[in-house]
N, C-alpha and C. Protein backbone atom coordinates (compact mmCIF):
# COMPACT_ATOMS: atom_id res chain seq x y z
N MET A 1 -4.82 -14.63 11.14
CA MET A 1 -3.62 -13.85 11.00
C MET A 1 -3.10 -13.99 9.58
N THR A 2 -2.85 -12.86 8.92
CA THR A 2 -2.33 -12.88 7.56
C THR A 2 -0.82 -12.97 7.61
N PRO A 3 -0.18 -13.35 6.49
CA PRO A 3 1.28 -13.43 6.48
C PRO A 3 1.93 -12.11 6.88
N ALA A 4 1.30 -10.98 6.55
CA ALA A 4 1.88 -9.68 6.90
C ALA A 4 1.84 -9.45 8.41
N ASP A 5 0.90 -10.13 9.12
CA ASP A 5 0.76 -9.95 10.56
C ASP A 5 1.64 -10.90 11.36
N GLU A 6 2.19 -11.92 10.71
CA GLU A 6 2.99 -12.91 11.43
C GLU A 6 4.32 -12.30 11.85
N PRO A 7 4.81 -12.67 13.01
CA PRO A 7 6.11 -12.15 13.45
C PRO A 7 7.22 -12.63 12.54
N SER A 8 8.20 -11.80 12.31
CA SER A 8 9.28 -12.15 11.40
C SER A 8 10.44 -12.83 12.11
N GLY A 9 10.40 -12.91 13.43
CA GLY A 9 11.49 -13.51 14.17
C GLY A 9 12.53 -12.49 14.59
N ILE A 10 12.39 -11.25 14.16
CA ILE A 10 13.33 -10.19 14.52
C ILE A 10 12.60 -9.21 15.42
N ASP A 11 13.11 -8.99 16.61
CA ASP A 11 12.51 -8.04 17.54
C ASP A 11 13.12 -6.68 17.26
N LEU A 12 12.46 -5.90 16.37
CA LEU A 12 13.02 -4.63 15.94
C LEU A 12 13.10 -3.61 17.07
N GLU A 13 12.14 -3.64 18.00
CA GLU A 13 12.17 -2.67 19.09
C GLU A 13 13.41 -2.85 19.97
N SER A 14 13.74 -4.10 20.32
CA SER A 14 14.93 -4.30 21.14
C SER A 14 16.20 -4.02 20.35
N HIS A 15 16.16 -4.28 19.04
CA HIS A 15 17.31 -3.99 18.18
C HIS A 15 17.58 -2.49 18.16
N VAL A 16 16.52 -1.69 17.99
CA VAL A 16 16.68 -0.23 17.97
C VAL A 16 17.17 0.25 19.33
N ALA A 17 16.63 -0.30 20.41
CA ALA A 17 17.06 0.10 21.75
C ALA A 17 18.54 -0.22 21.95
N GLU A 18 18.97 -1.38 21.45
CA GLU A 18 20.38 -1.76 21.58
C GLU A 18 21.27 -0.78 20.83
N ARG A 19 20.84 -0.37 19.65
CA ARG A 19 21.63 0.59 18.87
C ARG A 19 21.70 1.93 19.58
N ARG A 20 20.59 2.32 20.21
CA ARG A 20 20.58 3.60 20.92
C ARG A 20 21.49 3.57 22.14
N ARG A 21 21.60 2.42 22.79
CA ARG A 21 22.48 2.30 23.96
C ARG A 21 23.94 2.43 23.56
N GLY A 22 24.24 2.16 22.29
CA GLY A 22 25.62 2.31 21.82
C GLY A 22 26.54 1.24 22.33
N GLU A 23 26.05 -0.01 22.46
CA GLU A 23 26.89 -1.09 22.97
C GLU A 23 28.02 -1.43 22.02
N GLU A 24 27.82 -1.15 20.71
CA GLU A 24 28.85 -1.43 19.73
C GLU A 24 29.12 -0.16 18.94
N GLY A 25 30.20 -0.18 18.17
CA GLY A 25 30.47 0.96 17.28
C GLY A 25 29.35 1.07 16.26
N GLU A 26 29.13 2.26 15.76
CA GLU A 26 28.02 2.49 14.83
C GLU A 26 28.15 1.67 13.57
N ASP A 27 29.36 1.54 13.00
CA ASP A 27 29.56 0.76 11.79
C ASP A 27 29.18 -0.70 12.00
N GLN A 28 29.57 -1.28 13.13
CA GLN A 28 29.25 -2.67 13.42
C GLN A 28 27.75 -2.85 13.58
N ALA A 29 27.08 -1.90 14.24
CA ALA A 29 25.63 -2.01 14.45
C ALA A 29 24.90 -1.96 13.13
N ILE A 30 25.32 -1.08 12.21
CA ILE A 30 24.67 -0.97 10.92
C ILE A 30 24.89 -2.24 10.11
N THR A 31 26.11 -2.79 10.11
CA THR A 31 26.41 -4.01 9.38
C THR A 31 25.58 -5.17 9.93
N ARG A 32 25.52 -5.29 11.25
CA ARG A 32 24.74 -6.37 11.84
C ARG A 32 23.26 -6.20 11.53
N SER A 33 22.77 -4.99 11.53
CA SER A 33 21.37 -4.72 11.23
C SER A 33 21.03 -5.18 9.82
N ALA A 34 21.86 -4.85 8.85
CA ALA A 34 21.62 -5.26 7.47
C ALA A 34 21.66 -6.77 7.34
N ALA A 35 22.58 -7.42 8.04
CA ALA A 35 22.68 -8.88 7.97
C ALA A 35 21.44 -9.54 8.56
N GLU A 36 20.92 -8.98 9.65
CA GLU A 36 19.73 -9.55 10.28
C GLU A 36 18.49 -9.44 9.38
N LEU A 37 18.42 -8.38 8.60
CA LEU A 37 17.25 -8.16 7.75
C LEU A 37 17.40 -8.76 6.35
N GLU A 38 18.54 -9.31 6.04
CA GLU A 38 18.79 -9.82 4.69
C GLU A 38 17.75 -10.85 4.25
N ALA A 39 17.21 -11.62 5.16
CA ALA A 39 16.23 -12.65 4.81
C ALA A 39 14.94 -12.06 4.24
N VAL A 40 14.65 -10.81 4.55
CA VAL A 40 13.39 -10.22 4.07
C VAL A 40 13.59 -9.23 2.92
N PHE A 41 14.81 -9.05 2.44
CA PHE A 41 15.06 -8.09 1.37
C PHE A 41 14.28 -8.40 0.09
N ASP A 42 14.04 -9.66 -0.22
CA ASP A 42 13.35 -10.03 -1.46
C ASP A 42 11.86 -10.27 -1.27
N VAL A 43 11.31 -9.99 -0.09
CA VAL A 43 9.88 -10.19 0.15
C VAL A 43 9.12 -9.05 -0.51
N PRO A 44 8.22 -9.38 -1.43
CA PRO A 44 7.47 -8.30 -2.10
C PRO A 44 6.42 -7.70 -1.16
N VAL A 45 6.29 -6.39 -1.22
CA VAL A 45 5.26 -5.67 -0.47
C VAL A 45 4.55 -4.73 -1.43
N ARG A 46 3.31 -4.41 -1.10
CA ARG A 46 2.53 -3.48 -1.91
C ARG A 46 2.51 -2.14 -1.19
N VAL A 47 3.02 -1.10 -1.84
CA VAL A 47 3.05 0.24 -1.27
C VAL A 47 2.04 1.09 -2.01
N SER A 48 1.17 1.77 -1.24
CA SER A 48 0.15 2.63 -1.82
C SER A 48 0.25 4.01 -1.21
N ALA A 49 0.17 5.03 -2.03
CA ALA A 49 0.13 6.42 -1.56
C ALA A 49 -1.27 6.94 -1.88
N ILE A 50 -2.05 7.21 -0.86
CA ILE A 50 -3.45 7.62 -1.04
C ILE A 50 -3.52 9.14 -1.04
N LEU A 51 -3.82 9.71 -2.20
CA LEU A 51 -3.93 11.15 -2.34
C LEU A 51 -5.24 11.68 -1.76
N GLY A 52 -6.26 10.85 -1.80
CA GLY A 52 -7.57 11.24 -1.31
C GLY A 52 -8.60 10.23 -1.77
N ARG A 53 -9.84 10.43 -1.36
CA ARG A 53 -10.90 9.51 -1.72
C ARG A 53 -12.09 10.31 -2.26
N ALA A 54 -12.88 9.63 -3.07
CA ALA A 54 -14.11 10.23 -3.59
C ALA A 54 -15.17 9.13 -3.65
N ARG A 55 -16.40 9.52 -3.47
CA ARG A 55 -17.50 8.57 -3.57
C ARG A 55 -18.34 8.96 -4.78
N LEU A 56 -18.52 8.00 -5.69
CA LEU A 56 -19.27 8.24 -6.92
C LEU A 56 -20.29 7.14 -7.13
N GLY A 57 -21.36 7.51 -7.75
CA GLY A 57 -22.30 6.49 -8.21
C GLY A 57 -21.75 5.87 -9.50
N VAL A 58 -22.25 4.71 -9.84
CA VAL A 58 -21.78 4.03 -11.05
C VAL A 58 -22.03 4.88 -12.28
N SER A 59 -23.17 5.55 -12.35
CA SER A 59 -23.46 6.39 -13.53
C SER A 59 -22.44 7.53 -13.66
N ASP A 60 -22.04 8.13 -12.52
CA ASP A 60 -21.03 9.19 -12.57
C ASP A 60 -19.68 8.63 -12.97
N LEU A 61 -19.36 7.46 -12.50
CA LEU A 61 -18.10 6.82 -12.84
C LEU A 61 -18.02 6.55 -14.34
N LEU A 62 -19.11 6.11 -14.92
CA LEU A 62 -19.13 5.81 -16.35
C LEU A 62 -19.02 7.06 -17.21
N GLN A 63 -19.33 8.21 -16.66
CA GLN A 63 -19.26 9.46 -17.42
C GLN A 63 -17.85 10.09 -17.39
N LEU A 64 -16.95 9.55 -16.59
CA LEU A 64 -15.59 10.08 -16.55
C LEU A 64 -14.88 9.82 -17.87
N ALA A 65 -14.10 10.80 -18.30
CA ALA A 65 -13.34 10.70 -19.55
C ALA A 65 -11.96 11.31 -19.31
N PRO A 66 -11.04 11.08 -20.22
CA PRO A 66 -9.73 11.72 -20.06
C PRO A 66 -9.90 13.23 -19.90
N GLY A 67 -9.23 13.79 -18.91
CA GLY A 67 -9.34 15.22 -18.65
C GLY A 67 -10.40 15.57 -17.63
N SER A 68 -11.22 14.60 -17.21
CA SER A 68 -12.23 14.87 -16.18
C SER A 68 -11.54 15.18 -14.87
N VAL A 69 -12.17 16.05 -14.08
CA VAL A 69 -11.63 16.40 -12.77
C VAL A 69 -12.48 15.71 -11.72
N LEU A 70 -11.81 15.02 -10.81
CA LEU A 70 -12.49 14.30 -9.74
C LEU A 70 -12.11 14.95 -8.42
N GLU A 71 -13.09 15.47 -7.70
CA GLU A 71 -12.83 16.14 -6.44
C GLU A 71 -12.60 15.12 -5.34
N LEU A 72 -11.47 15.26 -4.65
CA LEU A 72 -11.12 14.34 -3.57
C LEU A 72 -11.43 14.98 -2.22
N ASP A 73 -11.36 14.18 -1.17
CA ASP A 73 -11.71 14.66 0.16
C ASP A 73 -10.55 15.34 0.90
N ARG A 74 -9.48 15.66 0.21
CA ARG A 74 -8.33 16.32 0.83
C ARG A 74 -8.04 17.64 0.13
N LYS A 75 -7.39 18.51 0.86
CA LYS A 75 -7.02 19.81 0.32
C LYS A 75 -5.60 19.74 -0.26
N VAL A 76 -5.30 20.68 -1.14
CA VAL A 76 -3.96 20.79 -1.71
C VAL A 76 -2.98 21.06 -0.57
N GLY A 77 -1.88 20.33 -0.55
CA GLY A 77 -0.86 20.51 0.48
C GLY A 77 -1.09 19.68 1.71
N GLU A 78 -2.24 19.04 1.84
CA GLU A 78 -2.51 18.18 3.00
C GLU A 78 -1.72 16.89 2.85
N ALA A 79 -1.27 16.34 3.97
CA ALA A 79 -0.47 15.11 3.94
C ALA A 79 -1.24 13.96 3.31
N ILE A 80 -0.51 13.11 2.59
CA ILE A 80 -1.11 11.91 2.02
C ILE A 80 -0.77 10.72 2.91
N ASP A 81 -1.57 9.67 2.83
CA ASP A 81 -1.34 8.47 3.62
C ASP A 81 -0.54 7.47 2.79
N ILE A 82 0.44 6.83 3.43
CA ILE A 82 1.27 5.82 2.78
C ILE A 82 1.01 4.49 3.47
N TYR A 83 0.55 3.53 2.69
CA TYR A 83 0.22 2.20 3.21
C TYR A 83 1.21 1.18 2.67
N VAL A 84 1.57 0.21 3.51
CA VAL A 84 2.34 -0.95 3.08
C VAL A 84 1.50 -2.16 3.43
N ASN A 85 1.16 -2.94 2.40
CA ASN A 85 0.29 -4.10 2.57
C ASN A 85 -0.98 -3.74 3.35
N ASP A 86 -1.64 -2.68 2.93
CA ASP A 86 -2.92 -2.22 3.50
C ASP A 86 -2.82 -1.77 4.95
N ARG A 87 -1.63 -1.47 5.43
CA ARG A 87 -1.46 -0.96 6.79
C ARG A 87 -0.84 0.44 6.70
N LEU A 88 -1.47 1.42 7.35
CA LEU A 88 -0.95 2.78 7.37
C LEU A 88 0.38 2.80 8.11
N VAL A 89 1.44 3.24 7.43
CA VAL A 89 2.76 3.26 8.05
C VAL A 89 3.36 4.66 8.11
N ALA A 90 2.89 5.57 7.26
CA ALA A 90 3.50 6.90 7.23
C ALA A 90 2.57 7.90 6.57
N ARG A 91 2.94 9.16 6.73
CA ARG A 91 2.27 10.25 6.01
C ARG A 91 3.37 10.98 5.25
N GLY A 92 2.99 11.61 4.16
CA GLY A 92 4.01 12.29 3.38
C GLY A 92 3.41 13.34 2.47
N GLU A 93 4.24 13.78 1.54
CA GLU A 93 3.78 14.78 0.59
C GLU A 93 4.27 14.41 -0.80
N VAL A 94 3.52 14.86 -1.80
CA VAL A 94 3.86 14.59 -3.19
C VAL A 94 4.97 15.56 -3.61
N VAL A 95 5.97 15.02 -4.30
CA VAL A 95 7.07 15.83 -4.80
C VAL A 95 7.26 15.56 -6.28
N LEU A 96 7.86 16.50 -6.97
CA LEU A 96 8.16 16.34 -8.38
C LEU A 96 9.66 16.14 -8.51
N VAL A 97 10.06 15.00 -9.09
CA VAL A 97 11.47 14.68 -9.29
C VAL A 97 11.67 14.56 -10.79
N GLU A 98 12.37 15.56 -11.35
CA GLU A 98 12.51 15.68 -12.80
C GLU A 98 11.12 15.70 -13.41
N ASP A 99 10.74 14.69 -14.21
CA ASP A 99 9.41 14.68 -14.83
C ASP A 99 8.46 13.69 -14.18
N LYS A 100 8.81 13.17 -13.01
CA LYS A 100 8.01 12.14 -12.39
C LYS A 100 7.52 12.59 -11.02
N LEU A 101 6.35 12.06 -10.63
CA LEU A 101 5.82 12.32 -9.29
C LEU A 101 6.43 11.32 -8.33
N GLY A 102 6.67 11.76 -7.12
CA GLY A 102 7.18 10.89 -6.07
C GLY A 102 6.52 11.26 -4.76
N VAL A 103 6.86 10.53 -3.73
CA VAL A 103 6.33 10.79 -2.40
C VAL A 103 7.49 10.81 -1.43
N THR A 104 7.51 11.81 -0.57
CA THR A 104 8.50 11.86 0.50
C THR A 104 7.79 11.68 1.83
N MET A 105 8.33 10.82 2.68
CA MET A 105 7.70 10.58 3.98
C MET A 105 8.07 11.70 4.94
N THR A 106 7.07 12.25 5.60
CA THR A 106 7.30 13.32 6.56
C THR A 106 7.01 12.88 7.99
N GLU A 107 6.29 11.76 8.14
CA GLU A 107 5.92 11.29 9.47
C GLU A 107 5.72 9.79 9.43
N ILE A 108 6.32 9.07 10.38
CA ILE A 108 6.10 7.64 10.52
C ILE A 108 4.96 7.47 11.51
N VAL A 109 3.97 6.64 11.15
CA VAL A 109 2.82 6.41 12.01
C VAL A 109 3.10 5.20 12.88
N LYS A 110 3.04 5.39 14.18
CA LYS A 110 3.30 4.29 15.11
C LYS A 110 2.12 3.32 15.11
N SER A 111 2.44 2.05 15.04
CA SER A 111 1.41 1.01 15.06
C SER A 111 0.71 1.00 16.42
N GLU A 112 -0.59 0.71 16.42
CA GLU A 112 -1.35 0.70 17.67
C GLU A 112 -1.37 -0.66 18.33
N ARG A 113 -0.57 -1.59 17.86
CA ARG A 113 -0.54 -2.93 18.44
C ARG A 113 0.21 -2.93 19.73
């Protein structure tokens, strides 16, 4: 079991269910939620947005130069995969924000555990 797979001590499913039941006012539930997660706010995670994949031989890889076009296995407009610590968590699309590329999540992928 890797550190990313270890339980954090917070049962998020029951927490979400409790919020949906509305046992407390919404402001109190949000405040309590933030306080419960405060211990993990500074935990670093690696986020990757996978636009597509390509398979190349080493000789083809060595021939790539600035401006080379690499054909990926996805079509334009197809959803991209968003991974957190090598685990697929969402799908999204590439967006342009001012002069920078970004990713917006369009679908959360439910874990199969």
